Structures are given as structure tokens and as C-alpha cells.
Amino acid sequence: MTKRVVLIGHPVAHSLSGAMQQAAFDARGIDARYELWDRAPEAQATGAVNTITREGRRLVGHNTDVAGFTVALDKLVGRAKMPRQAVVLGAGGGARAVVHGLIRAGFQRVIVFNRHLHRAEGLVRHFGRGAAHMELKAMPWHESIIESELARTKVLVNATSIGLNRDVSPVPAGILGHDLLVLDLIYNRTRLLRDAEAAGCVANDGETMLLHQGAAAFTLWTGQAAPLDVMGEALTSARAGGLRSAEGEPAGDDTGPGPGPDDQPASSAAG
């Protein structure tokens, strides 16, 4: 019987994951189809779960973004020594995965900015005890404060939707130092990335994170190693065909700083 893997979120019509995961199922000869259900579930609001598996009668939540971010961070840093300070823009589910990944990577100082300060403060409280060994702080979104923090950091991660729908950047080009490592979780060559490259920074988009979080989800669902080559080719084809967003990314206005494309929906494997 054909298994169903369901992406639940809002909006999902332009999701890249469907093409990538269906190609992986087909390549492994797995009788499954990937479906898009446009909903706004509680998991999307909490930003805590992006993949659900069935274990007996239980549904178990996972966050594969952490695995995806870990690979993306390693690629961004390359052969250099892993930095210890970072600035994160955004405070939703994607930002939570990023902060968790930075903590696991041994970062000692992480500053989180969000237009709604209470959301950034909530993210910091969430990690509380697990980040007691380091400095994890929420700060208000003011250009002068962001500039000051970027001057003393090495890694900048944009986990907001700014740049997704319009050619705008969350930060002015002039405050990007040439030695920054910049990762934008959006899967386009955004204004932020172009500004960073022009300033001499190393800059990557979110495709590596998307591919590897998708691979982690595939393995959870099937128990098999993900066919990364097949998934990567399907992802490239989907992007070439005009798909450019992740599941659940907001499609609203992104002209100013705000919550990111990081309130991730739940994906569930159903029999």
C-alpha cells in the first residue's frame, strides 16, 4: 500500500521539499507519495517541530533543521577554526535550530535580534539551563546595536524572511565587515548575500541546510540513507522551475525587520 508523507503548513504551495523528497522515494524504490496540506498547525506556531514520525501508536516530533544547520555551518566555516561568537537575526523555529546548533558547536557568545524583543527573549529563556556555560542574549533591533555586535563577531545568520519577497536586506551593507561569515537561511542570492560578497565576506544561502534537513527527515521516515545526489538534483530543478521557498515560509511583507521564515510546519509520515 502506498504510504503518504504529508507536509502540513502555511503556505506550502511553493515548497521545494515536495520535489526533493519525492525524487528520493522514487530513487530508493519506496512506494510513497509526498503531499502538501495547507494548514496552520500548532507546531508551526511554536517553532519546535518540523518532522513527525509514527512509532507504533505514538507520533514523535523531531527537528531536522538542527542537522541541516550543522552541515551548513561546517561548509560556511570551511577549513578555518570554528568561531566562537555569532549574531542571529530572527526568533522563530529556524532561529531556534540555529541557536541550538551554535551551542552544540561550542560557541561562547550568541546574540539574538528580533523586531519583537519579547520573542528573542523567549528563545533565550527556552535554552536557559543548556546555555548556562555561555553568553546567550536577546537584544533590541536597532541598527547601532547590531553594528556594534557585528564588529565583535565572526558569524552572522539571517533567520528572518527579510529578502524573501523583496530585494531588501535586514542590515545595511556598510556594517558588514570583510571577515564575516554570513549565512542566509533563504534559498536565494539575497541582497544580504550580495552585499556580504561585495564586502569580501564568505556568504552562503540556505540550500545546504534545506538539503541536509530533508535528508535527515527522509532517514527518519524510511530508515534508509538519503540519496543526497538525487535530492540535490531535484532541488536544483525545482529552483530552476521557479520554486524558491521552504515549507511554511511567510509570504507577507518583508520590507522591515521581523520574524523569519522560521516558524516551521510539521511534516508527518502516515500509513
C-alpha atoms as a PDB file:
ATOM      1  CA  MET A   1       0.000   0.000   0.000  1.00  0.00           C
ATOM      2  CA  THR A   2       1.282   3.423  -0.918  1.00  0.00           C
ATOM      3  CA  LYS A   3       2.486   5.356   2.111  1.00  0.00           C
ATOM      4  CA  ARG A   4       1.750   9.046   2.429  1.00  0.00           C
ATOM      5  CA  VAL A   5       4.214  11.630   3.702  1.00  0.00           C
ATOM      6  CA  VAL A   6       2.356  14.834   4.436  1.00  0.00           C
ATOM      7  CA  LEU A   7       3.728  18.344   4.662  1.00  0.00           C
ATOM      8  CA  ILE A   8       1.438  20.396   6.892  1.00  0.00           C
ATOM      9  CA  GLY A   9       1.957  24.153   6.963  1.00  0.00           C
ATOM     10  CA  HIS A  10       1.001  27.528   5.574  1.00  0.00           C
ATOM     11  CA  PRO A  11       1.846  28.440   2.910  1.00  0.00           C
ATOM     12  CA  VAL A  12       3.111  25.279   1.207  1.00  0.00           C
ATOM     13  CA  ALA A  13       2.157  25.741  -2.439  1.00  0.00           C
ATOM     14  CA  HIS A  14       5.680  26.781  -3.431  1.00  0.00           C
ATOM     15  CA  SER A  15       7.562  24.321  -1.246  1.00  0.00           C
ATOM     16  CA  LEU A  16      10.807  22.886  -2.577  1.00  0.00           C
ATOM     17  CA  SER A  17      10.588  19.866  -0.286  1.00  0.00           C
ATOM     18  CA  GLY A  18       7.991  18.004  -2.304  1.00  0.00           C
ATOM     19  CA  ALA A  19      10.147  17.616  -5.402  1.00  0.00           C
ATOM     20  CA  MET A  20      13.215  16.755  -3.341  1.00  0.00           C
ATOM     21  CA  GLN A  21      11.555  14.109  -1.153  1.00  0.00           C
ATOM     22  CA  GLN A  22       9.522  12.507  -3.967  1.00  0.00           C
ATOM     23  CA  ALA A  23      12.686  12.109  -6.018  1.00  0.00           C
ATOM     24  CA  ALA A  24      14.333  10.397  -3.052  1.00  0.00           C
ATOM     25  CA  PHE A  25      11.432   7.976  -2.557  1.00  0.00           C
ATOM     26  CA  ASP A  26      11.421   7.117  -6.256  1.00  0.00           C
ATOM     27  CA  ALA A  27      15.201   6.618  -6.323  1.00  0.00           C
ATOM     28  CA  ARG A  28      15.016   4.171  -3.411  1.00  0.00           C
ATOM     29  CA  GLY A  29      12.021   2.331  -4.845  1.00  0.00           C
ATOM     30  CA  ILE A  30       9.835   3.305  -1.885  1.00  0.00           C
ATOM     31  CA  ASP A  31       6.106   3.242  -2.558  1.00  0.00           C
ATOM     32  CA  ALA A  32       5.294   6.621  -1.050  1.00  0.00           C
ATOM     33  CA  ARG A  33       3.944   9.938  -2.189  1.00  0.00           C
ATOM     34  CA  TYR A  34       4.615  13.381  -0.764  1.00  0.00           C
ATOM     35  CA  GLU A  35       1.526  15.526  -0.254  1.00  0.00           C
ATOM     36  CA  LEU A  36       1.096  19.215   0.569  1.00  0.00           C
ATOM     37  CA  TRP A  37      -1.607  20.120   3.098  1.00  0.00           C
ATOM     38  CA  ASP A  38      -2.079  23.851   3.544  1.00  0.00           C
ATOM     39  CA  ARG A  39      -2.803  24.213   7.262  1.00  0.00           C
ATOM     40  CA  ALA A  40      -1.548  26.332  10.165  1.00  0.00           C
ATOM     41  CA  PRO A  41      -0.831  23.696  12.909  1.00  0.00           C
ATOM     42  CA  GLU A  42       0.253  24.315  16.471  1.00  0.00           C
ATOM     43  CA  ALA A  43       3.770  23.055  15.631  1.00  0.00           C
ATOM     44  CA  GLN A  44       4.162  25.911  13.175  1.00  0.00           C
ATOM     45  CA  ALA A  45       3.260  28.456  15.850  1.00  0.00           C
ATOM     46  CA  THR A  46       5.648  27.013  18.433  1.00  0.00           C
ATOM     47  CA  GLY A  47       8.544  26.580  16.003  1.00  0.00           C
ATOM     48  CA  ALA A  48       9.630  23.448  17.842  1.00  0.00           C
ATOM     49  CA  VAL A  49       8.870  20.577  15.435  1.00  0.00           C
ATOM     50  CA  ASN A  50       9.344  20.223  11.684  1.00  0.00           C
ATOM     51  CA  THR A  51       9.183  16.442  11.226  1.00  0.00           C
ATOM     52  CA  ILE A  52       6.862  13.855  12.756  1.00  0.00           C
ATOM     53  CA  THR A  53       7.274  10.088  12.641  1.00  0.00           C
ATOM     54  CA  ARG A  54       4.915   7.326  13.689  1.00  0.00           C
ATOM     55  CA  GLU A  55       6.329   4.907  16.255  1.00  0.00           C
ATOM     56  CA  GLY A  56       3.661   2.320  16.961  1.00  0.00           C
ATOM     57  CA  ARG A  57       0.644   4.318  18.070  1.00  0.00           C
ATOM     58  CA  ARG A  58       2.694   7.357  19.013  1.00  0.00           C
ATOM     59  CA  LEU A  59       3.570  10.377  16.918  1.00  0.00           C
ATOM     60  CA  VAL A  60       7.074  11.614  17.707  1.00  0.00           C
ATOM     61  CA  GLY A  61       8.294  15.119  16.874  1.00  0.00           C
ATOM     62  CA  HIS A  62      11.773  15.907  15.564  1.00  0.00           C
ATOM     63  CA  ASN A  63      13.659  18.991  14.409  1.00  0.00           C
ATOM     64  CA  THR A  64      15.820  18.104  11.417  1.00  0.00           C
ATOM     65  CA  ASP A  65      16.783  21.754  10.894  1.00  0.00           C
ATOM     66  CA  VAL A  66      19.478  21.278  13.525  1.00  0.00           C
ATOM     67  CA  ALA A  67      21.173  18.578  11.446  1.00  0.00           C
ATOM     68  CA  GLY A  68      20.834  20.719   8.329  1.00  0.00           C
ATOM     69  CA  PHE A  69      22.265  23.796  10.003  1.00  0.00           C
ATOM     70  CA  THR A  70      25.233  21.842  11.377  1.00  0.00           C
ATOM     71  CA  VAL A  71      26.273  20.841   7.851  1.00  0.00           C
ATOM     72  CA  ALA A  72      25.665  24.375   6.542  1.00  0.00           C
ATOM     73  CA  LEU A  73      27.779  25.863   9.337  1.00  0.00           C
ATOM     74  CA  ASP A  74      30.643  23.463   8.626  1.00  0.00           C
ATOM     75  CA  LYS A  75      30.509  24.390   4.940  1.00  0.00           C
ATOM     76  CA  LEU A  76      30.467  28.104   5.759  1.00  0.00           C
ATOM     77  CA  VAL A  77      33.490  27.880   8.051  1.00  0.00           C
ATOM     78  CA  GLY A  78      35.405  25.559   5.746  1.00  0.00           C
ATOM     79  CA  ARG A  79      38.896  24.648   6.867  1.00  0.00           C
ATOM     80  CA  ALA A  80      39.168  27.546   9.315  1.00  0.00           C
ATOM     81  CA  LYS A  81      38.882  27.099  13.070  1.00  0.00           C
ATOM     82  CA  MET A  82      35.260  27.146  14.221  1.00  0.00           C
ATOM     83  CA  PRO A  83      34.418  30.644  15.535  1.00  0.00           C
ATOM     84  CA  ARG A  84      33.000  31.211  18.998  1.00  0.00           C
ATOM     85  CA  GLN A  85      30.764  34.273  18.543  1.00  0.00           C
ATOM     86  CA  ALA A  86      27.672  34.758  16.389  1.00  0.00           C
ATOM     87  CA  VAL A  87      24.776  37.100  15.703  1.00  0.00           C
ATOM     88  CA  VAL A  88      21.414  35.561  14.822  1.00  0.00           C
ATOM     89  CA  LEU A  89      18.605  37.568  13.214  1.00  0.00           C
ATOM     90  CA  GLY A  90      15.167  36.086  13.917  1.00  0.00           C
ATOM     91  CA  ALA A  91      13.491  34.217  16.753  1.00  0.00           C
ATOM     92  CA  GLY A  92      11.262  31.512  15.267  1.00  0.00           C
ATOM     93  CA  GLY A  93      11.767  27.804  14.718  1.00  0.00           C
ATOM     94  CA  GLY A  94      14.630  28.210  12.244  1.00  0.00           C
ATOM     95  CA  ALA A  95      16.428  30.563  14.618  1.00  0.00           C
ATOM     96  CA  ARG A  96      15.946  28.062  17.439  1.00  0.00           C
ATOM     97  CA  ALA A  97      17.580  25.358  15.337  1.00  0.00           C
ATOM     98  CA  VAL A  98      20.438  27.748  14.553  1.00  0.00           C
ATOM     99  CA  VAL A  99      20.993  28.689  18.198  1.00  0.00           C
ATOM    100  CA  HIS A 100      20.868  25.045  19.259  1.00  0.00           C
ATOM    101  CA  GLY A 101      23.409  24.194  16.567  1.00  0.00           C
ATOM    102  CA  LEU A 102      25.701  27.031  17.668  1.00  0.00           C
ATOM    103  CA  ILE A 103      25.528  25.856  21.280  1.00  0.00           C
ATOM    104  CA  ARG A 104      26.392  22.306  20.217  1.00  0.00           C
ATOM    105  CA  ALA A 105      29.278  23.638  18.111  1.00  0.00           C
ATOM    106  CA  GLY A 106      30.818  25.239  21.201  1.00  0.00           C
ATOM    107  CA  PHE A 107      30.030  28.901  20.572  1.00  0.00           C
ATOM    108  CA  GLN A 108      30.585  31.044  23.661  1.00  0.00           C
ATOM    109  CA  ARG A 109      28.628  34.190  22.746  1.00  0.00           C
ATOM    110  CA  VAL A 110      25.438  34.325  20.680  1.00  0.00           C
ATOM    111  CA  ILE A 111      23.327  37.476  20.352  1.00  0.00           C
ATOM    112  CA  VAL A 112      19.762  37.193  19.044  1.00  0.00           C
ATOM    113  CA  PHE A 113      17.964  40.132  17.425  1.00  0.00           C
ATOM    114  CA  ASN A 114      14.279  40.292  16.546  1.00  0.00           C
ATOM    115  CA  ARG A 115      11.923  43.172  15.861  1.00  0.00           C
ATOM    116  CA  HIS A 116       9.690  41.884  18.649  1.00  0.00           C
ATOM    117  CA  LEU A 117      12.172  41.718  21.507  1.00  0.00           C
ATOM    118  CA  HIS A 118       9.956  39.502  23.654  1.00  0.00           C
ATOM    119  CA  ARG A 119      10.239  36.737  21.042  1.00  0.00           C
ATOM    120  CA  ALA A 120      14.023  36.866  21.153  1.00  0.00           C
ATOM    121  CA  GLU A 121      13.875  36.855  24.953  1.00  0.00           C
ATOM    122  CA  GLY A 122      11.585  33.822  24.817  1.00  0.00           C
ATOM    123  CA  LEU A 123      14.108  31.995  22.623  1.00  0.00           C
ATOM    124  CA  VAL A 124      16.874  32.761  25.105  1.00  0.00           C
ATOM    125  CA  ARG A 125      14.754  31.527  28.029  1.00  0.00           C
ATOM    126  CA  HIS A 126      13.975  28.354  26.104  1.00  0.00           C
ATOM    127  CA  PHE A 127      17.640  27.364  26.077  1.00  0.00           C
ATOM    128  CA  GLY A 128      18.208  28.643  29.624  1.00  0.00           C
ATOM    129  CA  ARG A 129      19.955  25.881  31.535  1.00  0.00           C
ATOM    130  CA  GLY A 130      21.584  24.335  28.460  1.00  0.00           C
ATOM    131  CA  ALA A 131      23.304  27.635  27.662  1.00  0.00           C
ATOM    132  CA  ALA A 132      24.392  28.427  31.214  1.00  0.00           C
ATOM    133  CA  HIS A 133      28.051  27.978  30.253  1.00  0.00           C
ATOM    134  CA  MET A 134      27.923  30.710  27.619  1.00  0.00           C
ATOM    135  CA  GLU A 135      26.604  34.198  26.923  1.00  0.00           C
ATOM    136  CA  LEU A 136      23.273  33.951  25.123  1.00  0.00           C
ATOM    137  CA  LYS A 137      21.446  37.285  24.982  1.00  0.00           C
ATOM    138  CA  ALA A 138      18.466  38.904  23.284  1.00  0.00           C
ATOM    139  CA  MET A 139      18.887  42.488  22.141  1.00  0.00           C
ATOM    140  CA  PRO A 140      16.524  45.070  20.630  1.00  0.00           C
ATOM    141  CA  TRP A 141      16.607  45.548  16.869  1.00  0.00           C
ATOM    142  CA  HIS A 142      18.442  48.852  16.474  1.00  0.00           C
ATOM    143  CA  GLU A 143      20.952  49.437  13.697  1.00  0.00           C
ATOM    144  CA  SER A 144      23.581  50.886  16.033  1.00  0.00           C
ATOM    145  CA  ILE A 145      23.363  47.885  18.371  1.00  0.00           C
ATOM    146  CA  ILE A 146      23.541  45.392  15.504  1.00  0.00           C
ATOM    147  CA  GLU A 147      26.530  47.250  14.070  1.00  0.00           C
ATOM    148  CA  SER A 148      28.293  47.154  17.438  1.00  0.00           C
ATOM    149  CA  GLU A 149      27.710  43.416  17.801  1.00  0.00           C
ATOM    150  CA  LEU A 150      28.790  42.613  14.239  1.00  0.00           C
ATOM    151  CA  ALA A 151      32.069  44.425  14.901  1.00  0.00           C
ATOM    152  CA  ARG A 152      32.911  41.867  17.581  1.00  0.00           C
ATOM    153  CA  THR A 153      31.565  38.692  15.986  1.00  0.00           C
ATOM    154  CA  LYS A 154      32.552  36.300  13.216  1.00  0.00           C
ATOM    155  CA  VAL A 155      29.287  34.644  12.125  1.00  0.00           C
ATOM    156  CA  LEU A 156      26.035  36.300  11.019  1.00  0.00           C
ATOM    157  CA  VAL A 157      22.961  34.140  10.394  1.00  0.00           C
ATOM    158  CA  ASN A 158      19.787  35.604   8.910  1.00  0.00           C
ATOM    159  CA  ALA A 159      16.807  33.519  10.028  1.00  0.00           C
ATOM    160  CA  THR A 160      14.197  36.144   9.111  1.00  0.00           C
ATOM    161  CA  SER A 161      12.122  36.436   5.939  1.00  0.00           C
ATOM    162  CA  ILE A 162      13.712  39.767   5.012  1.00  0.00           C
ATOM    163  CA  GLY A 163      14.849  39.393   1.408  1.00  0.00           C
ATOM    164  CA  LEU A 164      12.492  36.536   0.587  1.00  0.00           C
ATOM    165  CA  ASN A 165       9.977  38.509  -1.461  1.00  0.00           C
ATOM    166  CA  ARG A 166      11.705  41.857  -1.989  1.00  0.00           C
ATOM    167  CA  ASP A 167      15.243  42.940  -2.793  1.00  0.00           C
ATOM    168  CA  VAL A 168      15.977  44.243   0.694  1.00  0.00           C
ATOM    169  CA  SER A 169      18.477  43.316   3.402  1.00  0.00           C
ATOM    170  CA  PRO A 170      17.998  43.054   7.168  1.00  0.00           C
ATOM    171  CA  VAL A 171      21.175  45.076   7.752  1.00  0.00           C
ATOM    172  CA  PRO A 172      22.880  47.961   5.916  1.00  0.00           C
ATOM    173  CA  ALA A 173      25.726  46.926   3.639  1.00  0.00           C
ATOM    174  CA  GLY A 174      28.092  49.351   5.337  1.00  0.00           C
ATOM    175  CA  ILE A 175      28.162  47.476   8.632  1.00  0.00           C
ATOM    176  CA  LEU A 176      29.312  44.176   7.141  1.00  0.00           C
ATOM    177  CA  GLY A 177      32.974  43.625   7.917  1.00  0.00           C
ATOM    178  CA  HIS A 178      35.134  41.824   5.353  1.00  0.00           C
ATOM    179  CA  ASP A 179      35.936  38.963   7.733  1.00  0.00           C
ATOM    180  CA  LEU A 180      32.331  37.979   8.464  1.00  0.00           C
ATOM    181  CA  LEU A 181      30.921  34.551   7.646  1.00  0.00           C
ATOM    182  CA  VAL A 182      27.332  35.133   6.505  1.00  0.00           C
ATOM    183  CA  LEU A 183      24.601  32.505   6.184  1.00  0.00           C
ATOM    184  CA  ASP A 184      21.133  33.443   4.939  1.00  0.00           C
ATOM    185  CA  LEU A 185      18.567  30.676   5.501  1.00  0.00           C
ATOM    186  CA  ILE A 186      16.618  31.938   2.473  1.00  0.00           C
ATOM    187  CA  TYR A 187      17.337  29.856  -0.631  1.00  0.00           C
ATOM    188  CA  ASN A 188      18.093  32.763  -2.954  1.00  0.00           C
ATOM    189  CA  ARG A 189      21.034  35.025  -3.660  1.00  0.00           C
ATOM    190  CA  THR A 190      19.527  37.735  -1.480  1.00  0.00           C
ATOM    191  CA  ARG A 191      20.567  41.351  -1.128  1.00  0.00           C
ATOM    192  CA  LEU A 192      22.261  40.422   2.159  1.00  0.00           C
ATOM    193  CA  LEU A 193      24.393  37.800   0.426  1.00  0.00           C
ATOM    194  CA  ARG A 194      25.285  40.103  -2.463  1.00  0.00           C
ATOM    195  CA  ASP A 195      26.242  42.889  -0.038  1.00  0.00           C
ATOM    196  CA  ALA A 196      28.297  40.442   2.022  1.00  0.00           C
ATOM    197  CA  GLU A 197      30.164  39.162  -1.022  1.00  0.00           C
ATOM    198  CA  ALA A 198      30.848  42.735  -2.157  1.00  0.00           C
ATOM    199  CA  ALA A 199      32.304  43.455   1.286  1.00  0.00           C
ATOM    200  CA  GLY A 200      34.657  40.471   0.983  1.00  0.00           C
ATOM    201  CA  CYS A 201      32.725  38.143   3.285  1.00  0.00           C
ATOM    202  CA  VAL A 202      32.230  34.411   2.837  1.00  0.00           C
ATOM    203  CA  ALA A 203      28.485  34.072   2.204  1.00  0.00           C
ATOM    204  CA  ASN A 204      26.167  31.097   1.618  1.00  0.00           C
ATOM    205  CA  ASP A 205      22.415  30.705   1.127  1.00  0.00           C
ATOM    206  CA  GLY A 206      20.142  28.148   2.791  1.00  0.00           C
ATOM    207  CA  GLU A 207      20.223  25.393   0.164  1.00  0.00           C
ATOM    208  CA  THR A 208      22.752  23.240   2.026  1.00  0.00           C
ATOM    209  CA  MET A 209      20.673  23.427   5.203  1.00  0.00           C
ATOM    210  CA  LEU A 210      17.486  22.577   3.283  1.00  0.00           C
ATOM    211  CA  LEU A 211      19.067  19.593   1.542  1.00  0.00           C
ATOM    212  CA  HIS A 212      20.524  18.073   4.691  1.00  0.00           C
ATOM    213  CA  GLN A 213      17.480  18.658   6.890  1.00  0.00           C
ATOM    214  CA  GLY A 214      15.471  16.965   4.145  1.00  0.00           C
ATOM    215  CA  ALA A 215      17.937  14.079   4.123  1.00  0.00           C
ATOM    216  CA  ALA A 216      17.605  13.716   7.883  1.00  0.00           C
ATOM    217  CA  ALA A 217      13.812  13.656   7.577  1.00  0.00           C
ATOM    218  CA  PHE A 218      13.984  11.028   4.803  1.00  0.00           C
ATOM    219  CA  THR A 219      16.090   8.772   7.020  1.00  0.00           C
ATOM    220  CA  LEU A 220      13.698   9.191   9.946  1.00  0.00           C
ATOM    221  CA  TRP A 221      10.730   8.255   7.759  1.00  0.00           C
ATOM    222  CA  THR A 222      12.312   5.334   5.904  1.00  0.00           C
ATOM    223  CA  GLY A 223      15.225   4.054   7.979  1.00  0.00           C
ATOM    224  CA  GLN A 224      17.378   4.321   4.842  1.00  0.00           C
ATOM    225  CA  ALA A 225      20.287   6.562   3.930  1.00  0.00           C
ATOM    226  CA  ALA A 226      19.089   9.513   1.900  1.00  0.00           C
ATOM    227  CA  PRO A 227      20.116   9.689  -1.786  1.00  0.00           C
ATOM    228  CA  LEU A 228      21.735  13.106  -1.486  1.00  0.00           C
ATOM    229  CA  ASP A 229      22.714  13.344  -5.159  1.00  0.00           C
ATOM    230  CA  VAL A 230      19.169  12.655  -6.321  1.00  0.00           C
ATOM    231  CA  MET A 231      17.684  15.049  -3.772  1.00  0.00           C
ATOM    232  CA  GLY A 232      20.179  17.754  -4.706  1.00  0.00           C
ATOM    233  CA  GLU A 233      19.400  17.425  -8.412  1.00  0.00           C
ATOM    234  CA  ALA A 234      15.656  17.571  -7.718  1.00  0.00           C
ATOM    235  CA  LEU A 235      16.166  20.633  -5.549  1.00  0.00           C
ATOM    236  CA  THR A 236      18.159  22.362  -8.281  1.00  0.00           C
ATOM    237  CA  SER A 237      15.484  21.531 -10.870  1.00  0.00           C
ATOM    238  CA  ALA A 238      12.711  22.797  -8.609  1.00  0.00           C
ATOM    239  CA  ARG A 239      14.551  26.074  -8.056  1.00  0.00           C
ATOM    240  CA  ALA A 240      15.163  26.435 -11.782  1.00  0.00           C
ATOM    241  CA  GLY A 241      11.448  25.910 -12.318  1.00  0.00           C
ATOM    242  CA  GLY A 242      10.594  28.844 -10.119  1.00  0.00           C
ATOM    243  CA  LEU A 243      10.096  27.277  -6.701  1.00  0.00           C
ATOM    244  CA  ARG A 244      12.110  29.191  -4.153  1.00  0.00           C
ATOM    245  CA  SER A 245      10.641  28.904  -0.695  1.00  0.00           C
ATOM    246  CA  ALA A 246      10.671  26.467   2.142  1.00  0.00           C
ATOM    247  CA  GLU A 247       7.603  24.939   3.697  1.00  0.00           C
ATOM    248  CA  GLY A 248       5.774  27.418   5.843  1.00  0.00           C
ATOM    249  CA  GLU A 249       7.772  30.486   4.926  1.00  0.00           C
ATOM    250  CA  PRO A 250       5.645  33.606   5.300  1.00  0.00           C
ATOM    251  CA  ALA A 251       4.530  35.137   2.032  1.00  0.00           C
ATOM    252  CA  GLY A 252       3.745  38.522   3.558  1.00  0.00           C
ATOM    253  CA  ASP A 253       5.592  41.825   3.593  1.00  0.00           C
ATOM    254  CA  ASP A 254       9.308  41.628   4.321  1.00  0.00           C
ATOM    255  CA  THR A 255      10.216  45.276   3.919  1.00  0.00           C
ATOM    256  CA  GLY A 256      11.257  45.638   7.534  1.00  0.00           C
ATOM    257  CA  PRO A 257      12.870  43.508  10.219  1.00  0.00           C
ATOM    258  CA  GLY A 258      10.584  40.928  11.677  1.00  0.00           C
ATOM    259  CA  PRO A 259      10.058  37.274  12.480  1.00  0.00           C
ATOM    260  CA  GLY A 260      11.698  34.971   9.983  1.00  0.00           C
ATOM    261  CA  PRO A 261      10.862  32.114   7.677  1.00  0.00           C
ATOM    262  CA  ASP A 262      11.442  30.129  10.762  1.00  0.00           C
ATOM    263  CA  ASP A 263       8.080  29.102  12.134  1.00  0.00           C
ATOM    264  CA  GLN A 264       8.344  25.704  10.546  1.00  0.00           C
ATOM    265  CA  PRO A 265       5.375  23.458   9.956  1.00  0.00           C
ATOM    266  CA  ALA A 266       5.118  19.793  10.802  1.00  0.00           C
ATOM    267  CA  SER A 267       5.761  17.039   8.285  1.00  0.00           C
ATOM    268  CA  SER A 268       4.249  13.668   9.164  1.00  0.00           C
ATOM    269  CA  ALA A 269       4.543  10.149   7.834  1.00  0.00           C
ATOM    270  CA  ALA A 270       1.151   8.496   7.693  1.00  0.00           C
ATOM    271  CA  GLY A 271       0.336   4.926   6.836  1.00  0.00           C
END
